[in-house]
C-alpha atoms as a PDB file:
ATOM      1  CA  UNK A   1     102.895 136.178 150.327  1.00  0.00           C
ATOM      2  CA  UNK A   2     104.548 133.054 152.451  1.00  0.00           C
ATOM      3  CA  UNK A   3     102.881 131.537 155.047  1.00  0.00           C
ATOM      4  CA  UNK A   4     104.870 132.741 157.388  1.00  0.00           C
ATOM      5  CA  UNK A   5     104.178 136.442 156.189  1.00  0.00           C
ATOM      6  CA  UNK A   6     100.560 136.262 156.393  1.00  0.00           C
ATOM      7  CA  UNK A   7     100.730 134.875 160.203  1.00  0.00           C
ATOM      8  CA  UNK A   8     103.492 137.963 161.583  1.00  0.00           C
ATOM      9  CA  UNK A   9     100.648 140.339 159.347  1.00  0.00           C
ATOM     10  CA  UNK A  10      97.678 139.627 161.304  1.00  0.00           C
ATOM     11  CA  UNK A  11      99.298 139.241 164.519  1.00  0.00           C
ATOM     12  CA  UNK A  12     100.344 142.863 164.183  1.00  0.00           C
ATOM     13  CA  UNK A  13      96.844 143.590 163.109  1.00  0.00           C
ATOM     14  CA  UNK A  14      95.531 141.561 166.792  1.00  0.00           C
ATOM     15  CA  UNK A  15      97.868 142.776 169.260  1.00  0.00           C
ATOM     16  CA  UNK A  16      98.448 146.305 168.010  1.00  0.00           C
ATOM     17  CA  UNK A  17     101.492 147.935 169.969  1.00  0.00           C
ATOM     18  CA  UNK A  18     100.835 146.336 173.039  1.00  0.00           C
ATOM     19  CA  UNK A  19     101.758 142.491 171.753  1.00  0.00           C
ATOM     20  CA  UNK A  20     105.741 144.183 170.300  1.00  0.00           C
ATOM     21  CA  UNK A  21     106.614 141.623 172.476  1.00  0.00           C
ATOM     22  CA  UNK A  22     104.757 138.626 170.519  1.00  0.00           C
ATOM     23  CA  UNK A  23     105.183 140.197 167.808  1.00  0.00           C
ATOM     24  CA  UNK A  24     108.892 140.285 167.826  1.00  0.00           C
ATOM     25  CA  UNK A  25     108.667 136.807 168.768  1.00  0.00           C
ATOM     26  CA  UNK A  26     106.709 135.884 166.115  1.00  0.00           C
ATOM     27  CA  UNK A  27     108.928 137.702 163.727  1.00  0.00           C
ATOM     28  CA  UNK A  28     111.937 136.135 164.877  1.00  0.00           C
ATOM     29  CA  UNK A  29     110.250 132.415 164.346  1.00  0.00           C
ATOM     30  CA  UNK A  30     108.619 133.986 160.947  1.00  0.00           C
ATOM     31  CA  UNK A  31     112.023 134.508 159.576  1.00  0.00           C
ATOM     32  CA  UNK A  32     113.446 131.722 160.658  1.00  0.00           C
ATOM     33  CA  UNK A  33     110.785 129.539 159.056  1.00  0.00           C
ATOM     34  CA  UNK A  34     110.926 131.272 156.041  1.00  0.00           C
ATOM     35  CA  UNK A  35     114.881 130.881 156.191  1.00  0.00           C
ATOM     36  CA  UNK A  36     115.078 127.350 156.933  1.00  0.00           C
ATOM     37  CA  UNK A  37     111.865 126.429 154.130  1.00  0.00           C
ATOM     38  CA  UNK A  38     113.712 128.613 151.427  1.00  0.00           C
ATOM     39  CA  UNK A  39     117.112 126.727 152.098  1.00  0.00           C
ATOM     40  CA  UNK A  40     114.511 123.998 151.881  1.00  0.00           C
ATOM     41  CA  UNK A  41     112.954 124.756 148.625  1.00  0.00           C
ATOM     42  CA  UNK A  42     116.546 126.154 147.246  1.00  0.00           C
ATOM     43  CA  UNK A  43     117.329 122.423 147.425  1.00  0.00           C
ATOM     44  CA  UNK A  44     114.989 121.035 145.640  1.00  0.00           C
ATOM     45  CA  UNK A  45     114.319 123.159 142.595  1.00  0.00           C
ATOM     46  CA  UNK A  46     118.166 122.922 142.175  1.00  0.00           C
ATOM     47  CA  UNK A  47     117.869 119.291 141.836  1.00  0.00           C
ATOM     48  CA  UNK A  48     114.608 119.286 139.862  1.00  0.00           C
ATOM     49  CA  UNK A  49     116.801 121.931 138.075  1.00  0.00           C
ATOM     50  CA  UNK A  50     119.814 119.513 137.177  1.00  0.00           C
ATOM     51  CA  UNK A  51     117.054 116.785 136.118  1.00  0.00           C
ATOM     52  CA  UNK A  52     115.053 118.597 133.873  1.00  0.00           C
ATOM     53  CA  UNK A  53     118.340 120.144 132.826  1.00  0.00           C
ATOM     54  CA  UNK A  54     119.573 116.819 132.121  1.00  0.00           C
ATOM     55  CA  UNK A  55     116.731 115.364 130.566  1.00  0.00           C
ATOM     56  CA  UNK A  56     115.714 118.329 128.145  1.00  0.00           C
ATOM     57  CA  UNK A  57     119.449 117.644 126.893  1.00  0.00           C
ATOM     58  CA  UNK A  58     118.520 113.925 125.959  1.00  0.00           C
ATOM     59  CA  UNK A  59     115.414 115.024 124.365  1.00  0.00           C
ATOM     60  CA  UNK A  60     117.428 117.252 122.184  1.00  0.00           C
ATOM     61  CA  UNK A  61     120.148 114.784 121.446  1.00  0.00           C
ATOM     62  CA  UNK A  62     116.750 112.198 120.591  1.00  0.00           C
ATOM     63  CA  UNK A  63     114.971 114.587 118.099  1.00  0.00           C
ATOM     64  CA  UNK A  64     118.492 115.177 116.316  1.00  0.00           C
ATOM     65  CA  UNK A  65     118.533 111.704 115.944  1.00  0.00           C
ATOM     66  CA  UNK A  66     115.103 111.749 114.776  1.00  0.00           C
ATOM     67  CA  UNK A  67     115.393 114.498 112.469  1.00  0.00           C
ATOM     68  CA  UNK A  68     118.732 112.817 110.757  1.00  0.00           C
ATOM     69  CA  UNK A  69     117.272 109.832 110.063  1.00  0.00           C
ATOM     70  CA  UNK A  70     113.500 111.212 109.584  1.00  0.00           C
ATOM     71  CA  UNK A  71     114.481 112.911 106.356  1.00  0.00           C
ATOM     72  CA  UNK A  72     115.482 110.623 104.147  1.00  0.00           C
ATOM     73  CA  UNK A  73     112.571 107.931 105.144  1.00  0.00           C
ATOM     74  CA  UNK A  74     109.814 110.865 104.609  1.00  0.00           C
ATOM     75  CA  UNK A  75     111.260 111.813 101.258  1.00  0.00           C
ATOM     76  CA  UNK A  76     111.256 107.840 100.377  1.00  0.00           C
ATOM     77  CA  UNK A  77     107.794 107.796 101.765  1.00  0.00           C
ATOM     78  CA  UNK A  78     106.652 110.965  99.461  1.00  0.00           C
ATOM     79  CA  UNK A  79     108.100 108.738  97.152  1.00  0.00           C
ATOM     80  CA  UNK A  80     106.344 105.481  97.211  1.00  0.00           C
ATOM     81  CA  UNK A  81     103.350 107.601  97.892  1.00  0.00           C
ATOM     82  CA  UNK A  82     103.508 109.321  94.878  1.00  0.00           C
ATOM     83  CA  UNK A  83     103.709 106.419  92.706  1.00  0.00           C
ATOM     84  CA  UNK A  84     101.554 104.460  94.514  1.00  0.00           C
ATOM     85  CA  UNK A  85      98.593 107.326  93.846  1.00  0.00           C
ATOM     86  CA  UNK A  86      99.909 107.621  89.783  1.00  0.00           C
ATOM     87  CA  UNK A  87      99.091 104.717  89.379  1.00  0.00           C
ATOM     88  CA  UNK A  88      95.649 105.058  91.167  1.00  0.00           C
ATOM     89  CA  UNK A  89      95.397 107.650  89.254  1.00  0.00           C
ATOM     90  CA  UNK A  90      95.492 106.548  85.753  1.00  0.00           C
ATOM     91  CA  UNK A  91      93.301 103.438  86.452  1.00  0.00           C
ATOM     92  CA  UNK A  92      90.831 105.909  87.698  1.00  0.00           C
ATOM     93  CA  UNK A  93      91.357 107.849  84.392  1.00  0.00           C
ATOM     94  CA  UNK A  94      91.343 105.036  81.992  1.00  0.00           C
ATOM     95  CA  UNK A  95      88.626 103.094  83.956  1.00  0.00           C
ATOM     96  CA  UNK A  96      86.289 107.149  83.380  1.00  0.00           C
ATOM     97  CA  UNK A  97      87.639 107.129  80.435  1.00  0.00           C
ATOM     98  CA  UNK A  98      85.958 103.818  79.060  1.00  0.00           C
ATOM     99  CA  UNK A  99      83.148 103.622  80.747  1.00  0.00           C
ATOM    100  CA  UNK A 100      82.574 107.096  78.775  1.00  0.00           C
ATOM    101  CA  UNK A 101      83.351 105.542  75.684  1.00  0.00           C
ATOM    102  CA  UNK A 102      81.719 102.331  76.298  1.00  0.00           C
ATOM    103  CA  UNK A 103      78.043 103.885  77.316  1.00  0.00           C
ATOM    104  CA  UNK A 104      77.552 102.394  80.907  1.00  0.00           C
ATOM    105  CA  UNK A 105      73.655 103.650  81.111  1.00  0.00           C
ATOM    106  CA  UNK A 106      73.794 100.819  77.583  1.00  0.00           C
ATOM    107  CA  UNK A 107      74.103  98.370  79.564  1.00  0.00           C
ATOM    108  CA  UNK A 108      73.193  95.438  76.854  1.00  0.00           C
ATOM    109  CA  UNK A 109      76.263  96.718  75.254  1.00  0.00           C
ATOM    110  CA  UNK A 110      78.401  97.690  77.544  1.00  0.00           C
ATOM    111  CA  UNK A 111      81.219  95.762  78.110  1.00  0.00           C
ATOM    112  CA  UNK A 112      81.232  94.761  81.614  1.00  0.00           C
ATOM    113  CA  UNK A 113      84.072  92.142  82.176  1.00  0.00           C
ATOM    114  CA  UNK A 114      86.689  94.605  80.466  1.00  0.00           C
ATOM    115  CA  UNK A 115      85.452  97.058  83.143  1.00  0.00           C
ATOM    116  CA  UNK A 116      85.919  94.459  86.098  1.00  0.00           C
ATOM    117  CA  UNK A 117      89.706  94.578  84.760  1.00  0.00           C
ATOM    118  CA  UNK A 118      90.279  98.234  85.691  1.00  0.00           C
ATOM    119  CA  UNK A 119      88.340  97.382  89.150  1.00  0.00           C
ATOM    120  CA  UNK A 120      90.416  94.919  89.932  1.00  0.00           C
ATOM    121  CA  UNK A 121      93.737  96.830  89.220  1.00  0.00           C
ATOM    122  CA  UNK A 122      92.805  99.611  91.584  1.00  0.00           C
ATOM    123  CA  UNK A 123      91.811  97.213  94.158  1.00  0.00           C
ATOM    124  CA  UNK A 124      95.229  94.922  94.178  1.00  0.00           C
ATOM    125  CA  UNK A 125      96.396  98.322  93.648  1.00  0.00           C
ATOM    126  CA  UNK A 126      94.963  99.654  97.325  1.00  0.00           C
ATOM    127  CA  UNK A 127      94.975  96.585  99.256  1.00  0.00           C
ATOM    128  CA  UNK A 128      98.621  95.693  98.647  1.00  0.00           C
ATOM    129  CA  UNK A 129      99.846  99.520  99.572  1.00  0.00           C
ATOM    130  CA  UNK A 130      97.377 100.494 102.394  1.00  0.00           C
ATOM    131  CA  UNK A 131      99.852 101.327 104.537  1.00  0.00           C
ATOM    132  CA  UNK A 132     100.584 104.341 102.485  1.00  0.00           C
ATOM    133  CA  UNK A 133      96.944 105.984 101.458  1.00  0.00           C
ATOM    134  CA  UNK A 134      95.268 107.798 102.681  1.00  0.00           C
ATOM    135  CA  UNK A 135      92.430 107.164 105.555  1.00  0.00           C
ATOM    136  CA  UNK A 136      90.181 108.551 103.886  1.00  0.00           C
ATOM    137  CA  UNK A 137      90.491 106.615 100.807  1.00  0.00           C
ATOM    138  CA  UNK A 138      90.807 103.123 102.747  1.00  0.00           C
ATOM    139  CA  UNK A 139      87.302 104.195 104.576  1.00  0.00           C
ATOM    140  CA  UNK A 140      85.446 104.516 100.862  1.00  0.00           C
ATOM    141  CA  UNK A 141      87.228 101.357  99.586  1.00  0.00           C
ATOM    142  CA  UNK A 142      86.199  99.410 102.847  1.00  0.00           C
ATOM    143  CA  UNK A 143      82.634 100.945 102.124  1.00  0.00           C
ATOM    144  CA  UNK A 144      82.738  99.618  98.493  1.00  0.00           C
ATOM    145  CA  UNK A 145      84.008  96.144  98.964  1.00  0.00           C
ATOM    146  CA  UNK A 146      81.576  95.357 101.957  1.00  0.00           C
ATOM    147  CA  UNK A 147      78.967  95.187  99.549  1.00  0.00           C
ATOM    148  CA  UNK A 148      81.311  93.965  96.103  1.00  0.00           C
ATOM    149  CA  UNK A 149      82.813  90.713  98.117  1.00  0.00           C
ATOM    150  CA  UNK A 150      79.525  88.838  98.073  1.00  0.00           C
ATOM    151  CA  UNK A 151      80.219  89.149  93.601  1.00  0.00           C
ATOM    152  CA  UNK A 152      83.357  88.152  94.532  1.00  0.00           C
ATOM    153  CA  UNK A 153      82.771  84.916  96.056  1.00  0.00           C
ATOM    154  CA  UNK A 154      80.138  84.364  93.243  1.00  0.00           C
ATOM    155  CA  UNK A 155      82.544  85.099  90.267  1.00  0.00           C
ATOM    156  CA  UNK A 156      85.368  82.679  92.243  1.00  0.00           C
ATOM    157  CA  UNK A 157      82.659  79.892  92.910  1.00  0.00           C
ATOM    158  CA  UNK A 158      81.360  80.490  89.098  1.00  0.00           C
ATOM    159  CA  UNK A 159      84.793  79.548  87.883  1.00  0.00           C
ATOM    160  CA  UNK A 160      85.555  76.758  89.961  1.00  0.00           C
ATOM    161  CA  UNK A 161      82.201  75.357  88.943  1.00  0.00           C
ATOM    162  CA  UNK A 162      82.820  75.806  85.088  1.00  0.00           C
ATOM    163  CA  UNK A 163      86.867  74.306  85.743  1.00  0.00           C
ATOM    164  CA  UNK A 164      84.495  71.420  87.262  1.00  0.00           C
ATOM    165  CA  UNK A 165      83.178  70.643  84.027  1.00  0.00           C
ATOM    166  CA  UNK A 166      85.420  70.803  81.708  1.00  0.00           C
ATOM    167  CA  UNK A 167      88.840  70.260  83.160  1.00  0.00           C
ATOM    168  CA  UNK A 168      91.430  72.573  83.569  1.00  0.00           C
ATOM    169  CA  UNK A 169      92.874  72.026  79.611  1.00  0.00           C
ATOM    170  CA  UNK A 170      88.915  71.583  78.948  1.00  0.00           C
ATOM    171  CA  UNK A 171      88.649  73.946  75.419  1.00  0.00           C
ATOM    172  CA  UNK A 172      88.328  77.639  75.025  1.00  0.00           C
ATOM    173  CA  UNK A 173      88.101  77.281  79.312  1.00  0.00           C
ATOM    174  CA  UNK A 174      88.795  81.636  79.972  1.00  0.00           C
ATOM    175  CA  UNK A 175      85.576  81.894  77.654  1.00  0.00           C
ATOM    176  CA  UNK A 176      83.273  80.057  79.353  1.00  0.00           C
ATOM    177  CA  UNK A 177      84.204  81.510  82.356  1.00  0.00           C
ATOM    178  CA  UNK A 178      83.556  84.755  81.253  1.00  0.00           C
ATOM    179  CA  UNK A 179      80.159  83.503  80.145  1.00  0.00           C
ATOM    180  CA  UNK A 180      79.691  82.332  83.441  1.00  0.00           C
ATOM    181  CA  UNK A 181      79.774  85.251  85.083  1.00  0.00           C
ATOM    182  CA  UNK A 182      78.861  88.253  83.315  1.00  0.00           C
ATOM    183  CA  UNK A 183      75.807  88.680  84.976  1.00  0.00           C
ATOM    184  CA  UNK A 184      77.643  88.402  88.268  1.00  0.00           C
ATOM    185  CA  UNK A 185      80.141  91.378  86.595  1.00  0.00           C
ATOM    186  CA  UNK A 186      77.185  93.330  85.648  1.00  0.00           C
ATOM    187  CA  UNK A 187      75.366  93.174  88.921  1.00  0.00           C
ATOM    188  CA  UNK A 188      78.427  94.174  90.821  1.00  0.00           C
ATOM    189  CA  UNK A 189      79.472  96.783  88.303  1.00  0.00           C
ATOM    190  CA  UNK A 190      75.854  98.074  88.991  1.00  0.00           C
ATOM    191  CA  UNK A 191      74.738  97.612  92.592  1.00  0.00           C
ATOM    192  CA  UNK A 192      78.107  99.095  93.872  1.00  0.00           C
ATOM    193  CA  UNK A 193      78.137 101.934  91.213  1.00  0.00           C
ATOM    194  CA  UNK A 194      77.847 104.594  93.905  1.00  0.00           C
ATOM    195  CA  UNK A 195      80.380 103.768  96.044  1.00  0.00           C
ATOM    196  CA  UNK A 196      83.063 102.495  93.460  1.00  0.00           C
ATOM    197  CA  UNK A 197      82.359 106.444  92.394  1.00  0.00           C
ATOM    198  CA  UNK A 198      83.470 107.238  95.967  1.00  0.00           C
ATOM    199  CA  UNK A 199      86.920 105.387  95.303  1.00  0.00           C
ATOM    200  CA  UNK A 200      87.835 106.971  92.273  1.00  0.00           C
ATOM    201  CA  UNK A 201      86.753 110.408  93.213  1.00  0.00           C
ATOM    202  CA  UNK A 202      88.777 110.027  96.419  1.00  0.00           C
ATOM    203  CA  UNK A 203      91.730 109.387  94.926  1.00  0.00           C
ATOM    204  CA  UNK A 204      91.263 111.995  92.197  1.00  0.00           C
ATOM    205  CA  UNK A 205      91.123 113.870  95.964  1.00  0.00           C
ATOM    206  CA  UNK A 206      94.140 112.576  97.381  1.00  0.00           C
ATOM    207  CA  UNK A 207      95.762 113.414  93.888  1.00  0.00           C
ATOM    208  CA  UNK A 208      95.149 117.067  93.724  1.00  0.00           C
ATOM    209  CA  UNK A 209      96.052 117.370  97.729  1.00  0.00           C
ATOM    210  CA  UNK A 210      99.920 115.899  96.595  1.00  0.00           C
ATOM    211  CA  UNK A 211     100.043 118.743  93.667  1.00  0.00           C
ATOM    212  CA  UNK A 212      99.375 121.212  96.078  1.00  0.00           C
ATOM    213  CA  UNK A 213     101.967 119.828  98.633  1.00  0.00           C
ATOM    214  CA  UNK A 214     104.558 119.378  95.613  1.00  0.00           C
ATOM    215  CA  UNK A 215     104.387 123.375  94.670  1.00  0.00           C
ATOM    216  CA  UNK A 216     104.698 124.094  98.349  1.00  0.00           C
ATOM    217  CA  UNK A 217     108.072 122.276  98.353  1.00  0.00           C
END
């Protein structure tokens, strides 16, 4: 109900039949105000509609261009992610296979330096492709690396110390570096084992999601 109609109806209800003249005047004024208000509203609405139509057309044009660009881009991104996770999954399975066959629980027989090679491959792959892996994987990786970083610093220190003692051209320098780093590697892999397994588990979870998407596509 408009404001004019509300006023008119209440004037009638209050004055009754004795207020015919006032009621007639109120009716005329109400109609005048209503007509004037409607014209203003109509003009405003027509202007708003034209603006909306213009904005809508612009938005549709943008979306059409976006979809034309995004489809091949999406396909490239998806293909890149598949390749990254294929490499990560290969590393993950190789690490687990190596750990089982070498006997991770048999600390004195376990080849920690060889196990570290798989871990370093995983580390580099995720660090190089942070934008393409899942947020969950990045979080798990960061949790692991937060604990592992101090051991990596110690590995660098031990390598520098060996090189300073024997020189860059020293004989069997690689073996001497490995020997010096052996205990640090063992400490890192045992102390961060829980977080490291969480990283590898997340890789498998993400890979499983990709397989589901591929079946849908």
